[in-house]
PDB file of all heavy atoms in Angstrom:
ATOM      1  N   ASN A   1       0.841  -1.191   0.000  1.00  0.00           N
ATOM      2  CA  ASN A   1       0.000   0.000   0.000  1.00  0.00           C
ATOM      3  C   ASN A   1       0.881   1.248   0.000  1.00  0.00           C
ATOM      4  O   ASN A   1       2.081   1.176   0.244  1.00  0.00           O
ATOM      5  CB  ASN A   1      -0.918   0.011   1.228  1.00  0.00           C
ATOM      6  CG  ASN A   1      -1.914  -1.137   1.192  1.00  0.00           C
ATOM      7  OD1 ASN A   1      -2.367  -1.535   0.110  1.00  0.00           O
ATOM      8  ND2 ASN A   1      -2.245  -1.669   2.360  1.00  0.00           N
ATOM      9  N   ASP A   2       0.286   2.394  -0.252  1.00  0.00           N
ATOM     10  CA  ASP A   2       1.047   3.647  -0.287  1.00  0.00           C
ATOM     11  C   ASP A   2       1.833   3.824   1.005  1.00  0.00           C
ATOM     12  O   ASP A   2       1.284   3.680   2.122  1.00  0.00           O
ATOM     13  CB  ASP A   2       0.107   4.838  -0.465  1.00  0.00           C
ATOM     14  CG  ASP A   2      -0.530   4.851  -1.856  1.00  0.00           C
ATOM     15  OD1 ASP A   2      -0.006   4.138  -2.738  1.00  0.00           O
ATOM     16  OD2 ASP A   2      -1.541   5.555  -2.038  1.00  0.00           O
ATOM     17  N   ASP A   3       3.129   4.118   0.860  1.00  0.00           N
ATOM     18  CA  ASP A   3       4.029   4.389   1.989  1.00  0.00           C
ATOM     19  C   ASP A   3       4.209   3.188   2.920  1.00  0.00           C
ATOM     20  O   ASP A   3       4.764   3.316   4.014  1.00  0.00           O
ATOM     21  CB  ASP A   3       3.543   5.588   2.828  1.00  0.00           C
ATOM     22  CG  ASP A   3       3.469   6.861   2.000  1.00  0.00           C
ATOM     23  OD1 ASP A   3       4.338   7.038   1.123  1.00  0.00           O
ATOM     24  OD2 ASP A   3       2.547   7.661   2.232  1.00  0.00           O
ATOM     25  N   GLU A   4       3.749   2.013   2.492  1.00  0.00           N
ATOM     26  CA  GLU A   4       3.864   0.830   3.356  1.00  0.00           C
ATOM     27  C   GLU A   4       5.233   0.174   3.210  1.00  0.00           C
ATOM     28  O   GLU A   4       5.748  -0.414   4.153  1.00  0.00           O
ATOM     29  CB  GLU A   4       2.755  -0.167   2.993  1.00  0.00           C
ATOM     30  CG  GLU A   4       2.711  -1.370   3.934  1.00  0.00           C
ATOM     31  CD  GLU A   4       1.629  -2.366   3.529  1.00  0.00           C
ATOM     32  OE1 GLU A   4       1.334  -2.464   2.324  1.00  0.00           O
ATOM     33  OE2 GLU A   4       1.097  -3.033   4.422  1.00  0.00           O
ATOM     34  N   ARG A   5       5.810   0.273   2.019  1.00  0.00           N
ATOM     35  CA  ARG A   5       7.086  -0.401   1.770  1.00  0.00           C
ATOM     36  C   ARG A   5       8.231   0.323   2.476  1.00  0.00           C
ATOM     37  O   ARG A   5       8.461   1.506   2.290  1.00  0.00           O
ATOM     38  CB  ARG A   5       7.391  -0.461   0.274  1.00  0.00           C
ATOM     39  CG  ARG A   5       8.653  -1.268  -0.032  1.00  0.00           C
ATOM     40  CD  ARG A   5       9.075  -1.160  -1.481  1.00  0.00           C
ATOM     41  NE  ARG A   5      10.343  -1.823  -1.690  1.00  0.00           N
ATOM     42  CZ  ARG A   5      11.256  -1.445  -2.573  1.00  0.00           C
ATOM     43  NH1 ARG A   5      11.019  -0.409  -3.358  1.00  0.00           N
ATOM     44  NH2 ARG A   5      12.389  -2.103  -2.691  1.00  0.00           N
ATOM     45  N   GLY A   6       8.938  -0.400   3.333  1.00  0.00           N
ATOM     46  CA  GLY A   6      10.117   0.152   3.984  1.00  0.00           C
ATOM     47  C   GLY A   6      11.310   0.163   3.051  1.00  0.00           C
ATOM     48  O   GLY A   6      11.306  -0.488   1.992  1.00  0.00           O
ATOM     49  N   GLU A   7      12.366   0.877   3.455  1.00  0.00           N
ATOM     50  CA  GLU A   7      13.538   1.032   2.585  1.00  0.00           C
ATOM     51  C   GLU A   7      14.195  -0.307   2.270  1.00  0.00           C
ATOM     52  O   GLU A   7      14.780  -0.484   1.212  1.00  0.00           O
ATOM     53  CB  GLU A   7      14.553   1.973   3.250  1.00  0.00           C
ATOM     54  CG  GLU A   7      15.726   2.306   2.347  1.00  0.00           C
ATOM     55  CD  GLU A   7      16.666   3.306   2.985  1.00  0.00           C
ATOM     56  OE1 GLU A   7      16.313   3.890   4.034  1.00  0.00           O
ATOM     57  OE2 GLU A   7      17.766   3.493   2.445  1.00  0.00           O
ATOM     58  N   THR A   8      14.098  -1.264   3.182  1.00  0.00           N
ATOM     59  CA  THR A   8      14.763  -2.550   2.966  1.00  0.00           C
ATOM     60  C   THR A   8      13.801  -3.662   2.573  1.00  0.00           C
ATOM     61  O   THR A   8      14.223  -4.811   2.436  1.00  0.00           O
ATOM     62  CB  THR A   8      15.529  -2.967   4.244  1.00  0.00           C
ATOM     63  OG1 THR A   8      14.601  -3.075   5.321  1.00  0.00           O
ATOM     64  CG2 THR A   8      16.600  -1.952   4.585  1.00  0.00           C
ATOM     65  N   ASP A   9      12.527  -3.373   2.401  1.00  0.00           N
ATOM     66  CA  ASP A   9      11.571  -4.406   1.979  1.00  0.00           C
ATOM     67  C   ASP A   9      11.819  -4.765   0.516  1.00  0.00           C
ATOM     68  O   ASP A   9      12.000  -3.875  -0.327  1.00  0.00           O
ATOM     69  CB  ASP A   9      10.139  -3.911   2.142  1.00  0.00           C
ATOM     70  CG  ASP A   9       9.719  -3.817   3.593  1.00  0.00           C
ATOM     71  OD1 ASP A   9      10.261  -4.577   4.407  1.00  0.00           O
ATOM     72  OD2 ASP A   9       8.875  -2.944   3.922  1.00  0.00           O
ATOM     73  N   PRO A  10      11.834  -6.062   0.185  1.00  0.00           N
ATOM     74  CA  PRO A  10      12.094  -6.462  -1.209  1.00  0.00           C
ATOM     75  C   PRO A  10      10.948  -6.061  -2.127  1.00  0.00           C
ATOM     76  O   PRO A  10       9.790  -5.954  -1.711  1.00  0.00           O
ATOM     77  CB  PRO A  10      12.223  -7.980  -1.117  1.00  0.00           C
ATOM     78  CG  PRO A  10      11.441  -8.358   0.094  1.00  0.00           C
ATOM     79  CD  PRO A  10      11.608  -7.218   1.062  1.00  0.00           C
ATOM     80  N   LEU A  11      11.292  -5.828  -3.376  1.00  0.00           N
ATOM     81  CA  LEU A  11      10.297  -5.450  -4.372  1.00  0.00           C
ATOM     82  C   LEU A  11       9.837  -6.674  -5.162  1.00  0.00           C
ATOM     83  O   LEU A  11       8.685  -6.756  -5.594  1.00  0.00           O
ATOM     84  CB  LEU A  11      10.895  -4.402  -5.319  1.00  0.00           C
ATOM     85  CG  LEU A  11       9.934  -3.667  -6.242  1.00  0.00           C
ATOM     86  CD1 LEU A  11       8.911  -2.871  -5.428  1.00  0.00           C
ATOM     87  CD2 LEU A  11      10.705  -2.734  -7.182  1.00  0.00           C
ATOM     88  N   TYR A  12      10.750  -7.639  -5.347  1.00  0.00           N
ATOM     89  CA  TYR A  12      10.452  -8.828  -6.141  1.00  0.00           C
ATOM     90  C   TYR A  12      10.952 -10.072  -5.411  1.00  0.00           C
ATOM     91  O   TYR A  12      11.768  -9.998  -4.486  1.00  0.00           O
ATOM     92  CB  TYR A  12      11.167  -8.763  -7.502  1.00  0.00           C
ATOM     93  CG  TYR A  12      10.804  -7.583  -8.359  1.00  0.00           C
ATOM     94  CD1 TYR A  12      11.625  -6.445  -8.390  1.00  0.00           C
ATOM     95  CD2 TYR A  12       9.656  -7.589  -9.150  1.00  0.00           C
ATOM     96  CE1 TYR A  12      11.305  -5.353  -9.190  1.00  0.00           C
ATOM     97  CE2 TYR A  12       9.330  -6.506  -9.952  1.00  0.00           C
ATOM     98  CZ  TYR A  12      10.162  -5.392  -9.959  1.00  0.00           C
ATOM     99  OH  TYR A  12       9.838  -4.325 -10.757  1.00  0.00           O
ATOM    100  N   LYS A  13      10.472 -11.211  -5.846  1.00  0.00           N
ATOM    101  CA  LYS A  13      11.061 -12.493  -5.463  1.00  0.00           C
ATOM    102  C   LYS A  13      10.903 -13.447  -6.635  1.00  0.00           C
ATOM    103  O   LYS A  13      10.120 -13.206  -7.565  1.00  0.00           O
ATOM    104  CB  LYS A  13      10.412 -13.059  -4.210  1.00  0.00           C
ATOM    105  CG  LYS A  13       8.990 -13.570  -4.378  1.00  0.00           C
ATOM    106  CD  LYS A  13       8.507 -14.228  -3.070  1.00  0.00           C
ATOM    107  CE  LYS A  13       7.086 -14.752  -3.197  1.00  0.00           C
ATOM    108  NZ  LYS A  13       6.640 -15.431  -1.961  1.00  0.00           N
ATOM    109  N   VAL A  14      11.668 -14.531  -6.600  1.00  0.00           N
ATOM    110  CA  VAL A  14      11.661 -15.537  -7.673  1.00  0.00           C
ATOM    111  C   VAL A  14      11.153 -16.845  -7.099  1.00  0.00           C
ATOM    112  O   VAL A  14      11.625 -17.294  -6.040  1.00  0.00           O
ATOM    113  CB  VAL A  14      13.070 -15.712  -8.273  1.00  0.00           C
ATOM    114  CG1 VAL A  14      13.112 -16.897  -9.231  1.00  0.00           C
ATOM    115  CG2 VAL A  14      13.507 -14.430  -8.983  1.00  0.00           C
ATOM    116  N   VAL A  15      10.191 -17.457  -7.787  1.00  0.00           N
ATOM    117  CA  VAL A  15       9.664 -18.747  -7.347  1.00  0.00           C
ATOM    118  C   VAL A  15       9.743 -19.750  -8.498  1.00  0.00           C
ATOM    119  O   VAL A  15       9.819 -19.374  -9.669  1.00  0.00           O
ATOM    120  CB  VAL A  15       8.198 -18.637  -6.864  1.00  0.00           C
ATOM    121  CG1 VAL A  15       8.095 -17.695  -5.675  1.00  0.00           C
ATOM    122  CG2 VAL A  15       7.290 -18.185  -7.997  1.00  0.00           C
ATOM    123  N   VAL A  16       9.734 -21.025  -8.140  1.00  0.00           N
ATOM    124  CA  VAL A  16       9.771 -22.091  -9.143  1.00  0.00           C
ATOM    125  C   VAL A  16       8.404 -22.194  -9.809  1.00  0.00           C
ATOM    126  O   VAL A  16       7.374 -22.349  -9.132  1.00  0.00           O
ATOM    127  CB  VAL A  16      10.150 -23.437  -8.487  1.00  0.00           C
ATOM    128  CG1 VAL A  16      10.112 -24.566  -9.513  1.00  0.00           C
ATOM    129  CG2 VAL A  16      11.538 -23.344  -7.842  1.00  0.00           C
ATOM    130  N   SER A  17       8.377 -22.106 -11.128  1.00  0.00           N
ATOM    131  CA  SER A  17       7.114 -22.217 -11.874  1.00  0.00           C
ATOM    132  C   SER A  17       6.994 -23.565 -12.579  1.00  0.00           C
ATOM    133  O   SER A  17       5.924 -23.904 -13.091  1.00  0.00           O
ATOM    134  CB  SER A  17       7.012 -21.091 -12.899  1.00  0.00           C
ATOM    135  OG  SER A  17       8.102 -21.121 -13.802  1.00  0.00           O
ATOM    136  N   ASN A  18       8.080 -24.321 -12.611  1.00  0.00           N
ATOM    137  CA  ASN A  18       8.057 -25.660 -13.208  1.00  0.00           C
ATOM    138  C   ASN A  18       7.353 -26.614 -12.234  1.00  0.00           C
ATOM    139  O   ASN A  18       7.793 -26.787 -11.096  1.00  0.00           O
ATOM    140  CB  ASN A  18       9.486 -26.110 -13.479  1.00  0.00           C
ATOM    141  CG  ASN A  18       9.562 -27.435 -14.219  1.00  0.00           C
ATOM    142  OD1 ASN A  18       8.631 -28.226 -14.184  1.00  0.00           O
ATOM    143  ND2 ASN A  18      10.687 -27.674 -14.868  1.00  0.00           N
ATOM    144  N   GLU A  19       6.279 -27.232 -12.702  1.00  0.00           N
ATOM    145  CA  GLU A  19       5.501 -28.096 -11.798  1.00  0.00           C
ATOM    146  C   GLU A  19       6.286 -29.294 -11.308  1.00  0.00           C
ATOM    147  O   GLU A  19       5.962 -29.881 -10.274  1.00  0.00           O
ATOM    148  CB  GLU A  19       4.209 -28.548 -12.486  1.00  0.00           C
ATOM    149  CG  GLU A  19       3.247 -27.380 -12.738  1.00  0.00           C
ATOM    150  CD  GLU A  19       1.925 -27.849 -13.324  1.00  0.00           C
ATOM    151  OE1 GLU A  19       1.800 -29.065 -13.612  1.00  0.00           O
ATOM    152  OE2 GLU A  19       1.021 -27.009 -13.483  1.00  0.00           O
ATOM    153  N   ASP A  20       7.337 -29.684 -12.050  1.00  0.00           N
ATOM    154  CA  ASP A  20       8.172 -30.806 -11.617  1.00  0.00           C
ATOM    155  C   ASP A  20       9.269 -30.360 -10.637  1.00  0.00           C
ATOM    156  O   ASP A  20      10.068 -31.187 -10.169  1.00  0.00           O
ATOM    157  CB  ASP A  20       8.833 -31.472 -12.825  1.00  0.00           C
ATOM    158  CG  ASP A  20       7.796 -32.132 -13.739  1.00  0.00           C
ATOM    159  OD1 ASP A  20       6.766 -32.598 -13.212  1.00  0.00           O
ATOM    160  OD2 ASP A  20       8.022 -32.163 -14.966  1.00  0.00           O
ATOM    161  N   GLY A  21       9.316 -29.058 -10.356  1.00  0.00           N
ATOM    162  CA  GLY A  21      10.331 -28.555  -9.447  1.00  0.00           C
ATOM    163  C   GLY A  21      11.688 -28.447 -10.112  1.00  0.00           C
ATOM    164  O   GLY A  21      11.840 -28.598 -11.327  1.00  0.00           O
ATOM    165  N   ILE A  22      12.704 -28.180  -9.302  1.00  0.00           N
ATOM    166  CA  ILE A  22      14.096 -28.080  -9.760  1.00  0.00           C
ATOM    167  C   ILE A  22      14.913 -29.081  -8.955  1.00  0.00           C
ATOM    168  O   ILE A  22      14.996 -28.978  -7.723  1.00  0.00           O
ATOM    169  CB  ILE A  22      14.646 -26.646  -9.555  1.00  0.00           C
ATOM    170  CG1 ILE A  22      13.820 -25.633 -10.337  1.00  0.00           C
ATOM    171  CG2 ILE A  22      16.118 -26.567  -9.936  1.00  0.00           C
ATOM    172  CD1 ILE A  22      13.994 -25.694 -11.824  1.00  0.00           C
ATOM    173  N   LYS A  23      15.496 -30.040  -9.649  1.00  0.00           N
ATOM    174  CA  LYS A  23      16.300 -31.073  -8.983  1.00  0.00           C
ATOM    175  C   LYS A  23      17.783 -30.775  -9.187  1.00  0.00           C
ATOM    176  O   LYS A  23      18.223 -30.539 -10.310  1.00  0.00           O
ATOM    177  CB  LYS A  23      15.970 -32.465  -9.535  1.00  0.00           C
ATOM    178  CG  LYS A  23      14.482 -32.829  -9.516  1.00  0.00           C
ATOM    179  CD  LYS A  23      13.913 -32.788  -8.105  1.00  0.00           C
ATOM    180  CE  LYS A  23      12.423 -33.176  -8.109  1.00  0.00           C
ATOM    181  NZ  LYS A  23      11.797 -32.977  -6.788  1.00  0.00           N
ATOM    182  N   LYS A  24      18.549 -30.818  -8.086  1.00  0.00           N
ATOM    183  CA  LYS A  24      19.981 -30.526  -8.211  1.00  0.00           C
ATOM    184  C   LYS A  24      20.725 -31.632  -8.953  1.00  0.00           C
ATOM    185  O   LYS A  24      21.817 -31.417  -9.460  1.00  0.00           O
ATOM    186  CB  LYS A  24      20.601 -30.297  -6.837  1.00  0.00           C
ATOM    187  CG  LYS A  24      20.675 -31.519  -5.940  1.00  0.00           C
ATOM    188  CD  LYS A  24      21.415 -31.190  -4.648  1.00  0.00           C
ATOM    189  CE  LYS A  24      21.566 -32.448  -3.779  1.00  0.00           C
ATOM    190  NZ  LYS A  24      22.321 -32.169  -2.535  1.00  0.00           N
ATOM    191  N   SER A  25      20.109 -32.819  -9.059  1.00  0.00           N
ATOM    192  CA  SER A  25      20.739 -33.934  -9.779  1.00  0.00           C
ATOM    193  C   SER A  25      20.506 -33.858 -11.289  1.00  0.00           C
ATOM    194  O   SER A  25      21.137 -34.587 -12.061  1.00  0.00           O
ATOM    195  CB  SER A  25      20.196 -35.265  -9.254  1.00  0.00           C
ATOM    196  OG  SER A  25      18.784 -35.326  -9.414  1.00  0.00           O
ATOM    197  N   ASP A  26      19.613 -32.964 -11.710  1.00  0.00           N
ATOM    198  CA  ASP A  26      19.315 -32.824 -13.139  1.00  0.00           C
ATOM    199  C   ASP A  26      20.385 -31.945 -13.782  1.00  0.00           C
ATOM    200  O   ASP A  26      20.499 -30.760 -13.491  1.00  0.00           O
ATOM    201  CB  ASP A  26      17.924 -32.190 -13.307  1.00  0.00           C
ATOM    202  CG  ASP A  26      17.472 -32.147 -14.762  1.00  0.00           C
ATOM    203  OD1 ASP A  26      18.333 -32.188 -15.660  1.00  0.00           O
ATOM    204  OD2 ASP A  26      16.242 -32.056 -14.981  1.00  0.00           O
ATOM    205  N   ARG A  27      21.159 -32.531 -14.704  1.00  0.00           N
ATOM    206  CA  ARG A  27      22.302 -31.831 -15.308  1.00  0.00           C
ATOM    207  C   ARG A  27      21.889 -30.610 -16.127  1.00  0.00           C
ATOM    208  O   ARG A  27      22.721 -29.768 -16.438  1.00  0.00           O
ATOM    209  CB  ARG A  27      23.091 -32.795 -16.198  1.00  0.00           C
ATOM    210  CG  ARG A  27      23.778 -33.904 -15.430  1.00  0.00           C
ATOM    211  CD  ARG A  27      24.336 -34.975 -16.370  1.00  0.00           C
ATOM    212  NE  ARG A  27      25.007 -36.024 -15.610  1.00  0.00           N
ATOM    213  CZ  ARG A  27      26.332 -36.097 -15.465  1.00  0.00           C
ATOM    214  NH1 ARG A  27      27.104 -35.200 -16.043  1.00  0.00           N
ATOM    215  NH2 ARG A  27      26.871 -37.067 -14.763  1.00  0.00           N
ATOM    216  N   SER A  28      20.626 -30.525 -16.480  1.00  0.00           N
ATOM    217  CA  SER A  28      20.182 -29.385 -17.295  1.00  0.00           C
ATOM    218  C   SER A  28      19.848 -28.155 -16.462  1.00  0.00           C
ATOM    219  O   SER A  28      19.618 -27.076 -17.012  1.00  0.00           O
ATOM    220  CB  SER A  28      18.962 -29.785 -18.129  1.00  0.00           C
ATOM    221  OG  SER A  28      17.841 -30.016 -17.292  1.00  0.00           O
ATOM    222  N   ASN A  29      19.827 -28.329 -15.144  1.00  0.00           N
ATOM    223  CA  ASN A  29      19.370 -27.229 -14.282  1.00  0.00           C
ATOM    224  C   ASN A  29      20.488 -26.255 -13.915  1.00  0.00           C
ATOM    225  O   ASN A  29      20.791 -26.013 -12.739  1.00  0.00           O
ATOM    226  CB  ASN A  29      18.717 -27.796 -13.016  1.00  0.00           C
ATOM    227  CG  ASN A  29      17.317 -28.296 -13.282  1.00  0.00           C
ATOM    228  OD1 ASN A  29      16.649 -27.824 -14.206  1.00  0.00           O
ATOM    229  ND2 ASN A  29      16.854 -29.258 -12.484  1.00  0.00           N
ATOM    230  N   ILE A  30      21.115 -25.716 -14.941  1.00  0.00           N
ATOM    231  CA  ILE A  30      22.057 -24.623 -14.746  1.00  0.00           C
ATOM    232  C   ILE A  30      21.654 -23.536 -15.740  1.00  0.00           C
ATOM    233  O   ILE A  30      21.328 -23.832 -16.899  1.00  0.00           O
ATOM    234  CB  ILE A  30      23.525 -25.066 -14.923  1.00  0.00           C
ATOM    235  CG1 ILE A  30      24.472 -23.919 -14.535  1.00  0.00           C
ATOM    236  CG2 ILE A  30      23.811 -25.612 -16.311  1.00  0.00           C
ATOM    237  CD1 ILE A  30      25.923 -24.368 -14.318  1.00  0.00           C
ATOM    238  N   PHE A  31      21.624 -22.274 -15.301  1.00  0.00           N
ATOM    239  CA  PHE A  31      20.954 -21.235 -16.070  1.00  0.00           C
ATOM    240  C   PHE A  31      21.850 -20.004 -16.224  1.00  0.00           C
ATOM    241  O   PHE A  31      22.586 -19.636 -15.298  1.00  0.00           O
ATOM    242  CB  PHE A  31      19.646 -20.837 -15.382  1.00  0.00           C
ATOM    243  CG  PHE A  31      18.751 -22.011 -15.084  1.00  0.00           C
ATOM    244  CD1 PHE A  31      18.741 -22.604 -13.827  1.00  0.00           C
ATOM    245  CD2 PHE A  31      17.945 -22.548 -16.088  1.00  0.00           C
ATOM    246  CE1 PHE A  31      17.929 -23.695 -13.556  1.00  0.00           C
ATOM    247  CE2 PHE A  31      17.121 -23.641 -15.823  1.00  0.00           C
ATOM    248  CZ  PHE A  31      17.116 -24.220 -14.564  1.00  0.00           C
ATOM    249  N   LEU A  32      21.736 -19.386 -17.401  1.00  0.00           N
ATOM    250  CA  LEU A  32      22.461 -18.149 -17.681  1.00  0.00           C
ATOM    251  C   LEU A  32      21.626 -16.955 -17.253  1.00  0.00           C
ATOM    252  O   LEU A  32      20.418 -16.902 -17.493  1.00  0.00           O
ATOM    253  CB  LEU A  32      22.759 -18.007 -19.170  1.00  0.00           C
ATOM    254  CG  LEU A  32      23.538 -19.124 -19.876  1.00  0.00           C
ATOM    255  CD1 LEU A  32      23.869 -18.687 -21.305  1.00  0.00           C
ATOM    256  CD2 LEU A  32      24.807 -19.460 -19.122  1.00  0.00           C
ATOM    257  N   ILE A  33      22.297 -15.977 -16.635  1.00  0.00           N
ATOM    258  CA  ILE A  33      21.666 -14.706 -16.290  1.00  0.00           C
ATOM    259  C   ILE A  33      22.464 -13.602 -16.977  1.00  0.00           C
ATOM    260  O   ILE A  33      23.690 -13.520 -16.840  1.00  0.00           O
ATOM    261  CB  ILE A  33      21.654 -14.474 -14.768  1.00  0.00           C
ATOM    262  CG1 ILE A  33      20.847 -15.569 -14.067  1.00  0.00           C
ATOM    263  CG2 ILE A  33      21.102 -13.097 -14.428  1.00  0.00           C
ATOM    264  CD1 ILE A  33      20.908 -15.498 -12.552  1.00  0.00           C
ATOM    265  N   ASP A  34      21.774 -12.765 -17.711  1.00  0.00           N
ATOM    266  CA  ASP A  34      22.439 -11.668 -18.406  1.00  0.00           C
ATOM    267  C   ASP A  34      22.710 -10.522 -17.430  1.00  0.00           C
ATOM    268  O   ASP A  34      22.084 -10.429 -16.370  1.00  0.00           O
ATOM    269  CB  ASP A  34      21.540 -11.181 -19.552  1.00  0.00           C
ATOM    270  CG  ASP A  34      22.358 -10.584 -20.690  1.00  0.00           C
ATOM    271  OD1 ASP A  34      23.585 -10.467 -20.539  1.00  0.00           O
ATOM    272  OD2 ASP A  34      21.756 -10.234 -21.720  1.00  0.00           O
ATOM    273  N   HIS A  35      23.646  -9.669 -17.811  1.00  0.00           N
ATOM    274  CA  HIS A  35      23.949  -8.486 -17.017  1.00  0.00           C
ATOM    275  C   HIS A  35      23.320  -7.265 -17.679  1.00  0.00           C
ATOM    276  O   HIS A  35      23.581  -6.979 -18.853  1.00  0.00           O
ATOM    277  CB  HIS A  35      25.460  -8.307 -16.863  1.00  0.00           C
ATOM    278  CG  HIS A  35      26.096  -9.393 -16.051  1.00  0.00           C
ATOM    279  ND1 HIS A  35      27.462  -9.551 -15.928  1.00  0.00           N
ATOM    280  CD2 HIS A  35      25.540 -10.395 -15.312  1.00  0.00           C
ATOM    281  CE1 HIS A  35      27.722 -10.589 -15.151  1.00  0.00           C
ATOM    282  NE2 HIS A  35      26.566 -11.117 -14.769  1.00  0.00           N
ATOM    283  N   ALA A  36      22.511  -6.561 -16.923  1.00  0.00           N
ATOM    284  CA  ALA A  36      21.790  -5.416 -17.476  1.00  0.00           C
ATOM    285  C   ALA A  36      22.679  -4.184 -17.597  1.00  0.00           C
ATOM    286  O   ALA A  36      22.458  -3.335 -18.464  1.00  0.00           O
ATOM    287  CB  ALA A  36      20.586  -5.100 -16.590  1.00  0.00           C
ATOM    288  N   TRP A  37      23.670  -4.077 -16.718  1.00  0.00           N
ATOM    289  CA  TRP A  37      24.512  -2.873 -16.695  1.00  0.00           C
ATOM    290  C   TRP A  37      25.876  -3.245 -16.138  1.00  0.00           C
ATOM    291  O   TRP A  37      25.975  -3.771 -15.038  1.00  0.00           O
ATOM    292  CB  TRP A  37      23.849  -1.805 -15.830  1.00  0.00           C
ATOM    293  CG  TRP A  37      24.562  -0.477 -15.785  1.00  0.00           C
ATOM    294  CD1 TRP A  37      25.427   0.042 -16.689  1.00  0.00           C
ATOM    295  CD2 TRP A  37      24.434   0.503 -14.743  1.00  0.00           C
ATOM    296  NE1 TRP A  37      25.848   1.289 -16.298  1.00  0.00           N
ATOM    297  CE2 TRP A  37      25.244   1.595 -15.103  1.00  0.00           C
ATOM    298  CE3 TRP A  37      23.700   0.571 -13.554  1.00  0.00           C
ATOM    299  CZ2 TRP A  37      25.365   2.744 -14.313  1.00  0.00           C
ATOM    300  CZ3 TRP A  37      23.808   1.706 -12.770  1.00  0.00           C
ATOM    301  CH2 TRP A  37      24.628   2.776 -13.143  1.00  0.00           C
ATOM    302  N   THR A  38      26.902  -3.010 -16.921  1.00  0.00           N
ATOM    303  CA  THR A  38      28.282  -3.187 -16.477  1.00  0.00           C
ATOM    304  C   THR A  38      28.947  -1.818 -16.531  1.00  0.00           C
ATOM    305  O   THR A  38      28.859  -1.117 -17.534  1.00  0.00           O
ATOM    306  CB  THR A  38      29.030  -4.178 -17.386  1.00  0.00           C
ATOM    307  OG1 THR A  38      28.341  -5.446 -17.351  1.00  0.00           O
ATOM    308  CG2 THR A  38      30.460  -4.377 -16.914  1.00  0.00           C
ATOM    309  N   TYR A  39      29.622  -1.440 -15.467  1.00  0.00           N
ATOM    310  CA  TYR A  39      30.054  -0.047 -15.365  1.00  0.00           C
ATOM    311  C   TYR A  39      31.250   0.086 -14.428  1.00  0.00           C
ATOM    312  O   TYR A  39      31.617  -0.854 -13.707  1.00  0.00           O
ATOM    313  CB  TYR A  39      28.904   0.820 -14.837  1.00  0.00           C
ATOM    314  CG  TYR A  39      28.419   0.402 -13.473  1.00  0.00           C
ATOM    315  CD1 TYR A  39      28.917   0.974 -12.326  1.00  0.00           C
ATOM    316  CD2 TYR A  39      27.452  -0.606 -13.335  1.00  0.00           C
ATOM    317  CE1 TYR A  39      28.482   0.577 -11.076  1.00  0.00           C
ATOM    318  CE2 TYR A  39      27.006  -1.008 -12.098  1.00  0.00           C
ATOM    319  CZ  TYR A  39      27.524  -0.410 -10.965  1.00  0.00           C
ATOM    320  OH  TYR A  39      27.098  -0.811  -9.734  1.00  0.00           O
ATOM    321  N   SER A  40      31.866   1.240 -14.459  1.00  0.00           N
ATOM    322  CA  SER A  40      32.837   1.612 -13.434  1.00  0.00           C
ATOM    323  C   SER A  40      32.182   2.667 -12.557  1.00  0.00           C
ATOM    324  O   SER A  40      31.334   3.444 -13.013  1.00  0.00           O
ATOM    325  CB  SER A  40      34.130   2.158 -14.054  1.00  0.00           C
ATOM    326  OG  SER A  40      33.951   3.487 -14.491  1.00  0.00           O
TER     327      SER A  40
END
């Protein structure tokens, strides 16, 4: 709500949307993340 979010409250979170879940034994479960901004 308006003014409800504190300075340290998160804006987003990530959840698993695959109904089979994510298994650490599955060799395909490694993912690339792009970089939006690289800077000095």
